[in-house]
Amino acid sequence: MTEVRRLIGMVQYYRDFWPKRLHMLKPFTAVSSGKKGTKIKWTPELETAFKATILNMVCTETLLNYPDSSKPLDIHTDASDYQLGAAISQEGKPIAFYSRKLNNSQVWN
């Protein structure tokens, strides 16, 4: 269940890059609405949704583009107690991604 929720979170975080994301996530949100710790049965429908839709979208839509210095950039950032992340985009297309795990002295307790 945790892995499916992480997948949903990742797709939602990059929502500006992936159109029709709710349609892509429908099979996963249906199975993730159960109690925490519930095991999910990986069905052919989930396999198809993952490989044909989400994996394909990640591989094609997130290819990096060259920036145009005459246009504004959008910077999306996120942080948790253990990790930092950012994405730079221009006109809805990704330019760069950044992710870094914090070391023990940087972790917020």
PDB file of N, CA and C in Angstrom:
ATOM      1  N   MET A   1       0.826  -1.187   0.000  1.00  0.00           N
ATOM      2  CA  MET A   1       0.000   0.000   0.000  1.00  0.00           C
ATOM      3  C   MET A   1       0.873   1.255   0.000  1.00  0.00           C
ATOM      4  N   THR A   2       1.968   1.240   0.755  1.00  0.00           N
ATOM      5  CA  THR A   2       2.851   2.400   0.846  1.00  0.00           C
ATOM      6  C   THR A   2       3.437   2.758  -0.509  1.00  0.00           C
ATOM      7  N   GLU A   3       3.855   1.748  -1.270  1.00  0.00           N
ATOM      8  CA  GLU A   3       4.451   2.005  -2.572  1.00  0.00           C
ATOM      9  C   GLU A   3       3.452   2.623  -3.543  1.00  0.00           C
ATOM     10  N   VAL A   4       2.211   2.160  -3.487  1.00  0.00           N
ATOM     11  CA  VAL A   4       1.168   2.716  -4.364  1.00  0.00           C
ATOM     12  C   VAL A   4       0.901   4.167  -3.986  1.00  0.00           C
ATOM     13  N   ARG A   5       0.855   4.456  -2.701  1.00  0.00           N
ATOM     14  CA  ARG A   5       0.642   5.848  -2.273  1.00  0.00           C
ATOM     15  C   ARG A   5       1.815   6.742  -2.659  1.00  0.00           C
ATOM     16  N   ARG A   6       3.026   6.211  -2.634  1.00  0.00           N
ATOM     17  CA  ARG A   6       4.191   6.981  -3.086  1.00  0.00           C
ATOM     18  C   ARG A   6       4.093   7.282  -4.581  1.00  0.00           C
ATOM     19  N   LEU A   7       3.664   6.292  -5.348  1.00  0.00           N
ATOM     20  CA  LEU A   7       3.478   6.486  -6.782  1.00  0.00           C
ATOM     21  C   LEU A   7       2.448   7.584  -7.047  1.00  0.00           C
ATOM     22  N   ILE A   8       1.334   7.535  -6.345  1.00  0.00           N
ATOM     23  CA  ILE A   8       0.297   8.560  -6.491  1.00  0.00           C
ATOM     24  C   ILE A   8       0.855   9.927  -6.125  1.00  0.00           C
ATOM     25  N   GLY A   9       1.613  10.001  -5.046  1.00  0.00           N
ATOM     26  CA  GLY A   9       2.213  11.265  -4.620  1.00  0.00           C
ATOM     27  C   GLY A   9       3.183  11.822  -5.644  1.00  0.00           C
ATOM     28  N   MET A  10       3.988  10.942  -6.249  1.00  0.00           N
ATOM     29  CA  MET A  10       4.939  11.399  -7.256  1.00  0.00           C
ATOM     30  C   MET A  10       4.227  11.964  -8.480  1.00  0.00           C
ATOM     31  N   VAL A  11       3.212  11.267  -8.938  1.00  0.00           N
ATOM     32  CA  VAL A  11       2.473  11.745 -10.109  1.00  0.00           C
ATOM     33  C   VAL A  11       1.768  13.062  -9.784  1.00  0.00           C
ATOM     34  N   GLN A  12       1.212  13.177  -8.593  1.00  0.00           N
ATOM     35  CA  GLN A  12       0.540  14.421  -8.198  1.00  0.00           C
ATOM     36  C   GLN A  12       1.542  15.564  -8.064  1.00  0.00           C
ATOM     37  N   TYR A  13       2.752  15.293  -7.579  1.00  0.00           N
ATOM     38  CA  TYR A  13       3.759  16.343  -7.423  1.00  0.00           C
ATOM     39  C   TYR A  13       4.145  16.939  -8.776  1.00  0.00           C
ATOM     40  N   TYR A  14       4.258  16.097  -9.788  1.00  0.00           N
ATOM     41  CA  TYR A  14       4.619  16.569 -11.129  1.00  0.00           C
ATOM     42  C   TYR A  14       3.388  16.803 -11.993  1.00  0.00           C
ATOM     43  N   ARG A  15       2.295  17.185 -11.366  1.00  0.00           N
ATOM     44  CA  ARG A  15       1.014  17.369 -12.061  1.00  0.00           C
ATOM     45  C   ARG A  15       1.082  18.373 -13.202  1.00  0.00           C
ATOM     46  N   ASP A  16       1.970  19.358 -13.121  1.00  0.00           N
ATOM     47  CA  ASP A  16       2.067  20.346 -14.190  1.00  0.00           C
ATOM     48  C   ASP A  16       2.651  19.748 -15.469  1.00  0.00           C
ATOM     49  N   PHE A  17       3.358  18.633 -15.358  1.00  0.00           N
ATOM     50  CA  PHE A  17       3.996  18.029 -16.518  1.00  0.00           C
ATOM     51  C   PHE A  17       3.132  16.952 -17.174  1.00  0.00           C
ATOM     52  N   TRP A  18       2.202  16.360 -16.414  1.00  0.00           N
ATOM     53  CA  TRP A  18       1.452  15.225 -16.927  1.00  0.00           C
ATOM     54  C   TRP A  18      -0.031  15.519 -17.001  1.00  0.00           C
ATOM     55  N   PRO A  19      -0.541  15.754 -18.199  1.00  0.00           N
ATOM     56  CA  PRO A  19      -1.979  15.951 -18.339  1.00  0.00           C
ATOM     57  C   PRO A  19      -2.730  14.633 -18.117  1.00  0.00           C
ATOM     58  N   LYS A  20      -3.968  14.718 -17.760  1.00  0.00           N
ATOM     59  CA  LYS A  20      -4.845  13.550 -17.546  1.00  0.00           C
ATOM     60  C   LYS A  20      -4.312  12.626 -16.459  1.00  0.00           C
ATOM     61  N   ARG A  21      -3.648  13.191 -15.469  1.00  0.00           N
ATOM     62  CA  ARG A  21      -3.061  12.353 -14.428  1.00  0.00           C
ATOM     63  C   ARG A  21      -4.112  11.632 -13.588  1.00  0.00           C
ATOM     64  N   LEU A  22      -5.279  12.247 -13.369  1.00  0.00           N
ATOM     65  CA  LEU A  22      -6.311  11.595 -12.578  1.00  0.00           C
ATOM     66  C   LEU A  22      -6.822  10.348 -13.291  1.00  0.00           C
ATOM     67  N   HIS A  23      -6.901  10.414 -14.604  1.00  0.00           N
ATOM     68  CA  HIS A  23      -7.299   9.248 -15.391  1.00  0.00           C
ATOM     69  C   HIS A  23      -6.248   8.143 -15.256  1.00  0.00           C
ATOM     70  N   MET A  24      -4.974   8.520 -15.274  1.00  0.00           N
ATOM     71  CA  MET A  24      -3.889   7.547 -15.137  1.00  0.00           C
ATOM     72  C   MET A  24      -3.910   6.894 -13.757  1.00  0.00           C
ATOM     73  N   LEU A  25      -4.236   7.674 -12.736  1.00  0.00           N
ATOM     74  CA  LEU A  25      -4.160   7.190 -11.362  1.00  0.00           C
ATOM     75  C   LEU A  25      -5.406   6.446 -10.888  1.00  0.00           C
ATOM     76  N   LYS A  26      -6.471   6.466 -11.663  1.00  0.00           N
ATOM     77  CA  LYS A  26      -7.741   5.890 -11.211  1.00  0.00           C
ATOM     78  C   LYS A  26      -7.613   4.457 -10.681  1.00  0.00           C
ATOM     79  N   PRO A  27      -6.938   3.532 -11.386  1.00  0.00           N
ATOM     80  CA  PRO A  27      -6.825   2.173 -10.843  1.00  0.00           C
ATOM     81  C   PRO A  27      -6.054   2.124  -9.519  1.00  0.00           C
ATOM     82  N   PHE A  28      -5.101   3.030  -9.344  1.00  0.00           N
ATOM     83  CA  PHE A  28      -4.281   3.020  -8.127  1.00  0.00           C
ATOM     84  C   PHE A  28      -5.008   3.658  -6.946  1.00  0.00           C
ATOM     85  N   THR A  29      -5.752   4.727  -7.210  1.00  0.00           N
ATOM     86  CA  THR A  29      -6.502   5.355  -6.114  1.00  0.00           C
ATOM     87  C   THR A  29      -7.623   4.448  -5.635  1.00  0.00           C
ATOM     88  N   ALA A  30      -8.169   3.633  -6.536  1.00  0.00           N
ATOM     89  CA  ALA A  30      -9.231   2.698  -6.137  1.00  0.00           C
ATOM     90  C   ALA A  30      -8.717   1.649  -5.153  1.00  0.00           C
ATOM     91  N   VAL A  31      -7.491   1.164  -5.361  1.00  0.00           N
ATOM     92  CA  VAL A  31      -6.962   0.130  -4.465  1.00  0.00           C
ATOM     93  C   VAL A  31      -6.262   0.699  -3.237  1.00  0.00           C
ATOM     94  N   SER A  32      -5.913   1.978  -3.261  1.00  0.00           N
ATOM     95  CA  SER A  32      -5.183   2.550  -2.122  1.00  0.00           C
ATOM     96  C   SER A  32      -6.103   3.162  -1.070  1.00  0.00           C
ATOM     97  N   SER A  33      -7.392   3.069  -1.264  1.00  0.00           N
ATOM     98  CA  SER A  33      -8.314   3.687  -0.311  1.00  0.00           C
ATOM     99  C   SER A  33      -8.592   2.807   0.907  1.00  0.00           C
ATOM    100  N   GLY A  34      -7.961   1.649   0.968  1.00  0.00           N
ATOM    101  CA  GLY A  34      -8.163   0.739   2.096  1.00  0.00           C
ATOM    102  C   GLY A  34      -7.379   1.160   3.324  1.00  0.00           C
ATOM    103  N   LYS A  35      -7.445   0.319   4.351  1.00  0.00           N
ATOM    104  CA  LYS A  35      -6.732   0.594   5.594  1.00  0.00           C
ATOM    105  C   LYS A  35      -5.228   0.502   5.382  1.00  0.00           C
ATOM    106  N   LYS A  36      -4.499   1.275   6.190  1.00  0.00           N
ATOM    107  CA  LYS A  36      -3.045   1.256   6.124  1.00  0.00           C
ATOM    108  C   LYS A  36      -2.549  -0.147   6.458  1.00  0.00           C
ATOM    109  N   GLY A  37      -1.582  -0.618   5.683  1.00  0.00           N
ATOM    110  CA  GLY A  37      -1.030  -1.942   5.909  1.00  0.00           C
ATOM    111  C   GLY A  37      -1.741  -3.041   5.134  1.00  0.00           C
ATOM    112  N   THR A  38      -2.820  -2.706   4.455  1.00  0.00           N
ATOM    113  CA  THR A  38      -3.541  -3.690   3.657  1.00  0.00           C
ATOM    114  C   THR A  38      -2.713  -4.065   2.428  1.00  0.00           C
ATOM    115  N   LYS A  39      -2.645  -5.347   2.137  1.00  0.00           N
ATOM    116  CA  LYS A  39      -1.899  -5.795   0.960  1.00  0.00           C
ATOM    117  C   LYS A  39      -2.741  -5.577  -0.288  1.00  0.00           C
ATOM    118  N   ILE A  40      -2.075  -5.168  -1.353  1.00  0.00           N
ATOM    119  CA  ILE A  40      -2.746  -4.913  -2.616  1.00  0.00           C
ATOM    120  C   ILE A  40      -2.462  -6.060  -3.567  1.00  0.00           C
ATOM    121  N   LYS A  41      -3.510  -6.541  -4.213  1.00  0.00           N
ATOM    122  CA  LYS A  41      -3.340  -7.585  -5.223  1.00  0.00           C
ATOM    123  C   LYS A  41      -3.024  -6.900  -6.549  1.00  0.00           C
ATOM    124  N   TRP A  42      -1.852  -7.196  -7.083  1.00  0.00           N
ATOM    125  CA  TRP A  42      -1.394  -6.569  -8.326  1.00  0.00           C
ATOM    126  C   TRP A  42      -2.092  -7.276  -9.492  1.00  0.00           C
ATOM    127  N   THR A  43      -3.092  -6.625 -10.050  1.00  0.00           N
ATOM    128  CA  THR A  43      -3.914  -7.208 -11.112  1.00  0.00           C
ATOM    129  C   THR A  43      -3.362  -6.842 -12.491  1.00  0.00           C
ATOM    130  N   PRO A  44      -3.827  -7.525 -13.530  1.00  0.00           N
ATOM    131  CA  PRO A  44      -3.425  -7.133 -14.895  1.00  0.00           C
ATOM    132  C   PRO A  44      -3.813  -5.684 -15.217  1.00  0.00           C
ATOM    133  N   GLU A  45      -4.918  -5.214 -14.662  1.00  0.00           N
ATOM    134  CA  GLU A  45      -5.327  -3.820 -14.880  1.00  0.00           C
ATOM    135  C   GLU A  45      -4.297  -2.850 -14.296  1.00  0.00           C
ATOM    136  N   LEU A  46      -3.799  -3.147 -13.094  1.00  0.00           N
ATOM    137  CA  LEU A  46      -2.773  -2.300 -12.483  1.00  0.00           C
ATOM    138  C   LEU A  46      -1.467  -2.380 -13.266  1.00  0.00           C
ATOM    139  N   GLU A  47      -1.121  -3.566 -13.727  1.00  0.00           N
ATOM    140  CA  GLU A  47       0.101  -3.744 -14.509  1.00  0.00           C
ATOM    141  C   GLU A  47       0.036  -2.924 -15.796  1.00  0.00           C
ATOM    142  N   THR A  48      -1.102  -2.992 -16.484  1.00  0.00           N
ATOM    143  CA  THR A  48      -1.283  -2.224 -17.712  1.00  0.00           C
ATOM    144  C   THR A  48      -1.251  -0.730 -17.432  1.00  0.00           C
ATOM    145  N   ALA A  49      -1.935  -0.311 -16.377  1.00  0.00           N
ATOM    146  CA  ALA A  49      -1.957   1.113 -16.026  1.00  0.00           C
ATOM    147  C   ALA A  49      -0.560   1.608 -15.698  1.00  0.00           C
ATOM    148  N   PHE A  50       0.221   0.786 -15.025  1.00  0.00           N
ATOM    149  CA  PHE A  50       1.572   1.197 -14.659  1.00  0.00           C
ATOM    150  C   PHE A  50       2.497   1.236 -15.869  1.00  0.00           C
ATOM    151  N   LYS A  51       2.562   0.147 -16.616  1.00  0.00           N
ATOM    152  CA  LYS A  51       3.509   0.062 -17.735  1.00  0.00           C
ATOM    153  C   LYS A  51       3.106   0.915 -18.926  1.00  0.00           C
ATOM    154  N   ALA A  52       1.859   0.800 -19.341  1.00  0.00           N
ATOM    155  CA  ALA A  52       1.431   1.461 -20.571  1.00  0.00           C
ATOM    156  C   ALA A  52       1.142   2.940 -20.370  1.00  0.00           C
ATOM    157  N   THR A  53       0.778   3.318 -19.169  1.00  0.00           N
ATOM    158  CA  THR A  53       0.374   4.704 -18.970  1.00  0.00           C
ATOM    159  C   THR A  53       1.400   5.487 -18.182  1.00  0.00           C
ATOM    160  N   ILE A  54       1.610   5.141 -16.939  1.00  0.00           N
ATOM    161  CA  ILE A  54       2.471   5.942 -16.063  1.00  0.00           C
ATOM    162  C   ILE A  54       3.936   5.826 -16.480  1.00  0.00           C
ATOM    163  N   LEU A  55       4.427   4.628 -16.669  1.00  0.00           N
ATOM    164  CA  LEU A  55       5.830   4.451 -17.042  1.00  0.00           C
ATOM    165  C   LEU A  55       6.115   5.119 -18.389  1.00  0.00           C
ATOM    166  N   ASN A  56       5.206   4.980 -19.325  1.00  0.00           N
ATOM    167  CA  ASN A  56       5.362   5.624 -20.620  1.00  0.00           C
ATOM    168  C   ASN A  56       5.374   7.144 -20.474  1.00  0.00           C
ATOM    169  N   MET A  57       4.501   7.679 -19.641  1.00  0.00           N
ATOM    170  CA  MET A  57       4.428   9.124 -19.431  1.00  0.00           C
ATOM    171  C   MET A  57       5.717   9.639 -18.786  1.00  0.00           C
ATOM    172  N   VAL A  58       6.217   8.928 -17.798  1.00  0.00           N
ATOM    173  CA  VAL A  58       7.451   9.337 -17.130  1.00  0.00           C
ATOM    174  C   VAL A  58       8.613   9.341 -18.116  1.00  0.00           C
ATOM    175  N   CYS A  59       8.683   8.329 -18.961  1.00  0.00           N
ATOM    176  CA  CYS A  59       9.802   8.214 -19.896  1.00  0.00           C
ATOM    177  C   CYS A  59       9.746   9.212 -21.038  1.00  0.00           C
ATOM    178  N   THR A  60       8.572   9.614 -21.452  1.00  0.00           N
ATOM    179  CA  THR A  60       8.483  10.506 -22.603  1.00  0.00           C
ATOM    180  C   THR A  60       8.270  11.961 -22.227  1.00  0.00           C
ATOM    181  N   GLU A  61       7.402  12.226 -21.282  1.00  0.00           N
ATOM    182  CA  GLU A  61       7.038  13.599 -20.969  1.00  0.00           C
ATOM    183  C   GLU A  61       8.067  14.326 -20.115  1.00  0.00           C
ATOM    184  N   THR A  62       8.896  13.591 -19.401  1.00  0.00           N
ATOM    185  CA  THR A  62       9.853  14.264 -18.532  1.00  0.00           C
ATOM    186  C   THR A  62      11.234  14.387 -19.152  1.00  0.00           C
ATOM    187  N   LEU A  63      11.334  14.158 -20.456  1.00  0.00           N
ATOM    188  CA  LEU A  63      12.615  14.419 -21.103  1.00  0.00           C
ATOM    189  C   LEU A  63      12.933  15.900 -20.958  1.00  0.00           C
ATOM    190  N   LEU A  64      14.151  16.189 -20.616  1.00  0.00           N
ATOM    191  CA  LEU A  64      14.522  17.576 -20.354  1.00  0.00           C
ATOM    192  C   LEU A  64      14.568  18.392 -21.638  1.00  0.00           C
ATOM    193  N   ASN A  65      14.182  19.638 -21.515  1.00  0.00           N
ATOM    194  CA  ASN A  65      14.179  20.572 -22.632  1.00  0.00           C
ATOM    195  C   ASN A  65      15.252  21.624 -22.420  1.00  0.00           C
ATOM    196  N   TYR A  66      15.633  22.290 -23.489  1.00  0.00           N
ATOM    197  CA  TYR A  66      16.593  23.381 -23.382  1.00  0.00           C
ATOM    198  C   TYR A  66      15.855  24.644 -22.949  1.00  0.00           C
ATOM    199  N   PRO A  67      16.443  25.408 -22.019  1.00  0.00           N
ATOM    200  CA  PRO A  67      15.783  26.643 -21.586  1.00  0.00           C
ATOM    201  C   PRO A  67      15.905  27.743 -22.637  1.00  0.00           C
ATOM    202  N   ASP A  68      14.939  28.638 -22.631  1.00  0.00           N
ATOM    203  CA  ASP A  68      14.948  29.826 -23.480  1.00  0.00           C
ATOM    204  C   ASP A  68      15.112  31.017 -22.556  1.00  0.00           C
ATOM    205  N   SER A  69      16.245  31.703 -22.640  1.00  0.00           N
ATOM    206  CA  SER A  69      16.546  32.790 -21.703  1.00  0.00           C
ATOM    207  C   SER A  69      15.601  33.988 -21.844  1.00  0.00           C
ATOM    208  N   SER A  70      14.829  34.046 -22.908  1.00  0.00           N
ATOM    209  CA  SER A  70      13.900  35.161 -23.078  1.00  0.00           C
ATOM    210  C   SER A  70      12.555  34.898 -22.408  1.00  0.00           C
ATOM    211  N   LYS A  71      12.356  33.685 -21.855  1.00  0.00           N
ATOM    212  CA  LYS A  71      11.081  33.325 -21.217  1.00  0.00           C
ATOM    213  C   LYS A  71      11.310  33.047 -19.735  1.00  0.00           C
ATOM    214  N   PRO A  72      10.273  33.270 -18.908  1.00  0.00           N
ATOM    215  CA  PRO A  72      10.427  33.035 -17.464  1.00  0.00           C
ATOM    216  C   PRO A  72      10.500  31.537 -17.127  1.00  0.00           C
ATOM    217  N   LEU A  73      11.173  31.262 -16.023  1.00  0.00           N
ATOM    218  CA  LEU A  73      11.289  29.900 -15.517  1.00  0.00           C
ATOM    219  C   LEU A  73      10.357  29.727 -14.321  1.00  0.00           C
ATOM    220  N   ASP A  74       9.839  28.528 -14.133  1.00  0.00           N
ATOM    221  CA  ASP A  74       9.053  28.181 -12.951  1.00  0.00           C
ATOM    222  C   ASP A  74       9.873  27.218 -12.114  1.00  0.00           C
ATOM    223  N   ILE A  75       9.971  27.495 -10.819  1.00  0.00           N
ATOM    224  CA  ILE A  75      10.720  26.638  -9.915  1.00  0.00           C
ATOM    225  C   ILE A  75       9.746  26.043  -8.909  1.00  0.00           C
ATOM    226  N   HIS A  76       9.698  24.712  -8.858  1.00  0.00           N
ATOM    227  CA  HIS A  76       8.838  23.987  -7.927  1.00  0.00           C
ATOM    228  C   HIS A  76       9.752  23.305  -6.920  1.00  0.00           C
ATOM    229  N   THR A  77       9.533  23.559  -5.644  1.00  0.00           N
ATOM    230  CA  THR A  77      10.385  22.958  -4.619  1.00  0.00           C
ATOM    231  C   THR A  77       9.553  22.155  -3.634  1.00  0.00           C
ATOM    232  N   ASP A  78      10.211  21.232  -2.967  1.00  0.00           N
ATOM    233  CA  ASP A  78       9.565  20.427  -1.944  1.00  0.00           C
ATOM    234  C   ASP A  78      10.650  19.958  -0.979  1.00  0.00           C
ATOM    235  N   ALA A  79      10.274  19.799   0.267  1.00  0.00           N
ATOM    236  CA  ALA A  79      11.229  19.328   1.269  1.00  0.00           C
ATOM    237  C   ALA A  79      10.487  18.521   2.319  1.00  0.00           C
ATOM    238  N   SER A  80      11.161  17.539   2.841  1.00  0.00           N
ATOM    239  CA  SER A  80      10.639  16.789   3.979  1.00  0.00           C
ATOM    240  C   SER A  80      11.708  16.848   5.060  1.00  0.00           C
ATOM    241  N   ASP A  81      11.500  16.118   6.118  1.00  0.00           N
ATOM    242  CA  ASP A  81      12.499  16.088   7.184  1.00  0.00           C
ATOM    243  C   ASP A  81      13.784  15.403   6.739  1.00  0.00           C
ATOM    244  N   TYR A  82      13.743  14.657   5.636  1.00  0.00           N
ATOM    245  CA  TYR A  82      14.870  13.831   5.231  1.00  0.00           C
ATOM    246  C   TYR A  82      15.400  14.084   3.820  1.00  0.00           C
ATOM    247  N   GLN A  83      14.676  14.868   3.010  1.00  0.00           N
ATOM    248  CA  GLN A  83      15.078  15.009   1.616  1.00  0.00           C
ATOM    249  C   GLN A  83      14.628  16.349   1.049  1.00  0.00           C
ATOM    250  N   LEU A  84      15.373  16.828   0.041  1.00  0.00           N
ATOM    251  CA  LEU A  84      15.034  18.051  -0.676  1.00  0.00           C
ATOM    252  C   LEU A  84      14.779  17.700  -2.137  1.00  0.00           C
ATOM    253  N   GLY A  85      13.893  18.438  -2.787  1.00  0.00           N
ATOM    254  CA  GLY A  85      13.630  18.192  -4.193  1.00  0.00           C
ATOM    255  C   GLY A  85      13.214  19.472  -4.892  1.00  0.00           C
ATOM    256  N   ALA A  86      13.488  19.555  -6.176  1.00  0.00           N
ATOM    257  CA  ALA A  86      13.100  20.724  -6.955  1.00  0.00           C
ATOM    258  C   ALA A  86      12.980  20.332  -8.425  1.00  0.00           C
ATOM    259  N   ALA A  87      12.179  21.099  -9.134  1.00  0.00           N
ATOM    260  CA  ALA A  87      12.050  20.948 -10.580  1.00  0.00           C
ATOM    261  C   ALA A  87      11.968  22.341 -11.176  1.00  0.00           C
ATOM    262  N   ILE A  88      12.714  22.562 -12.237  1.00  0.00           N
ATOM    263  CA  ILE A  88      12.669  23.836 -12.963  1.00  0.00           C
ATOM    264  C   ILE A  88      11.999  23.551 -14.289  1.00  0.00           C
ATOM    265  N   SER A  89      10.997  24.359 -14.616  1.00  0.00           N
ATOM    266  CA  SER A  89      10.277  24.161 -15.868  1.00  0.00           C
ATOM    267  C   SER A  89      10.092  25.490 -16.589  1.00  0.00           C
ATOM    268  N   GLN A  90       9.750  25.383 -17.845  1.00  0.00           N
ATOM    269  CA  GLN A  90       9.483  26.557 -18.662  1.00  0.00           C
ATOM    270  C   GLN A  90       8.344  26.192 -19.607  1.00  0.00           C
ATOM    271  N   GLU A  91       7.276  26.962 -19.536  1.00  0.00           N
ATOM    272  CA  GLU A  91       6.080  26.708 -20.337  1.00  0.00           C
ATOM    273  C   GLU A  91       5.573  25.279 -20.138  1.00  0.00           C
ATOM    274  N   GLY A  92       5.624  24.791 -18.898  1.00  0.00           N
ATOM    275  CA  GLY A  92       5.121  23.466 -18.577  1.00  0.00           C
ATOM    276  C   GLY A  92       6.015  22.313 -18.971  1.00  0.00           C
ATOM    277  N   LYS A  93       7.206  22.590 -19.468  1.00  0.00           N
ATOM    278  CA  LYS A  93       8.138  21.532 -19.870  1.00  0.00           C
ATOM    279  C   LYS A  93       9.344  21.552 -18.933  1.00  0.00           C
ATOM    280  N   PRO A  94       9.772  20.372 -18.446  1.00  0.00           N
ATOM    281  CA  PRO A  94      10.874  20.322 -17.483  1.00  0.00           C
ATOM    282  C   PRO A  94      12.215  20.703 -18.090  1.00  0.00           C
ATOM    283  N   ILE A  95      12.973  21.479 -17.322  1.00  0.00           N
ATOM    284  CA  ILE A  95      14.330  21.875 -17.710  1.00  0.00           C
ATOM    285  C   ILE A  95      15.350  21.101 -16.879  1.00  0.00           C
ATOM    286  N   ALA A  96      15.076  20.981 -15.567  1.00  0.00           N
ATOM    287  CA  ALA A  96      16.018  20.299 -14.675  1.00  0.00           C
ATOM    288  C   ALA A  96      15.281  19.760 -13.455  1.00  0.00           C
ATOM    289  N   PHE A  97      15.826  18.679 -12.890  1.00  0.00           N
ATOM    290  CA  PHE A  97      15.321  18.099 -11.650  1.00  0.00           C
ATOM    291  C   PHE A  97      16.472  18.056 -10.650  1.00  0.00           C
ATOM    292  N   TYR A  98      16.127  18.155  -9.370  1.00  0.00           N
ATOM    293  CA  TYR A  98      17.129  18.067  -8.317  1.00  0.00           C
ATOM    294  C   TYR A  98      16.522  17.310  -7.156  1.00  0.00           C
ATOM    295  N   SER A  99      17.275  16.403  -6.581  1.00  0.00           N
ATOM    296  CA  SER A  99      16.832  15.676  -5.405  1.00  0.00           C
ATOM    297  C   SER A  99      18.061  15.323  -4.591  1.00  0.00           C
ATOM    298  N   ARG A 100      17.942  15.477  -3.274  1.00  0.00           N
ATOM    299  CA  ARG A 100      19.084  15.171  -2.418  1.00  0.00           C
ATOM    300  C   ARG A 100      18.586  14.695  -1.066  1.00  0.00           C
ATOM    301  N   LYS A 101      19.162  13.601  -0.615  1.00  0.00           N
ATOM    302  CA  LYS A 101      18.861  13.089   0.710  1.00  0.00           C
ATOM    303  C   LYS A 101      19.724  13.844   1.715  1.00  0.00           C
ATOM    304  N   LEU A 102      19.133  14.240   2.834  1.00  0.00           N
ATOM    305  CA  LEU A 102      19.884  14.959   3.871  1.00  0.00           C
ATOM    306  C   LEU A 102      20.724  13.980   4.680  1.00  0.00           C
ATOM    307  N   ASN A 103      21.913  14.430   5.113  1.00  0.00           N
ATOM    308  CA  ASN A 103      22.736  13.567   5.959  1.00  0.00           C
ATOM    309  C   ASN A 103      22.265  13.691   7.411  1.00  0.00           C
ATOM    310  N   ASN A 104      22.840  12.903   8.288  1.00  0.00           N
ATOM    311  CA  ASN A 104      22.371  12.845   9.679  1.00  0.00           C
ATOM    312  C   ASN A 104      22.413  14.185  10.397  1.00  0.00           C
ATOM    313  N   SER A 105      23.395  15.015  10.098  1.00  0.00           N
ATOM    314  CA  SER A 105      23.488  16.310  10.781  1.00  0.00           C
ATOM    315  C   SER A 105      22.490  17.333  10.210  1.00  0.00           C
ATOM    316  N   GLN A 106      21.915  17.067   9.043  1.00  0.00           N
ATOM    317  CA  GLN A 106      20.961  17.984   8.433  1.00  0.00           C
ATOM    318  C   GLN A 106      19.506  17.579   8.643  1.00  0.00           C
ATOM    319  N   VAL A 107      19.283  16.361   9.096  1.00  0.00           N
ATOM    320  CA  VAL A 107      17.908  15.863   9.287  1.00  0.00           C
ATOM    321  C   VAL A 107      17.240  16.653  10.385  1.00  0.00           C
ATOM    322  N   TRP A 108      16.000  17.075  10.117  1.00  0.00           N
ATOM    323  CA  TRP A 108      15.222  17.844  11.087  1.00  0.00           C
ATOM    324  C   TRP A 108      14.498  16.894  12.006  1.00  0.00           C
ATOM    325  N   ASN A 109      14.795  16.974  13.289  1.00  0.00           N
ATOM    326  CA  ASN A 109      14.137  16.094  14.274  1.00  0.00           C
ATOM    327  C   ASN A 109      13.152  16.842  15.093  1.00  0.00           C
TER     328      ASN A 109
END
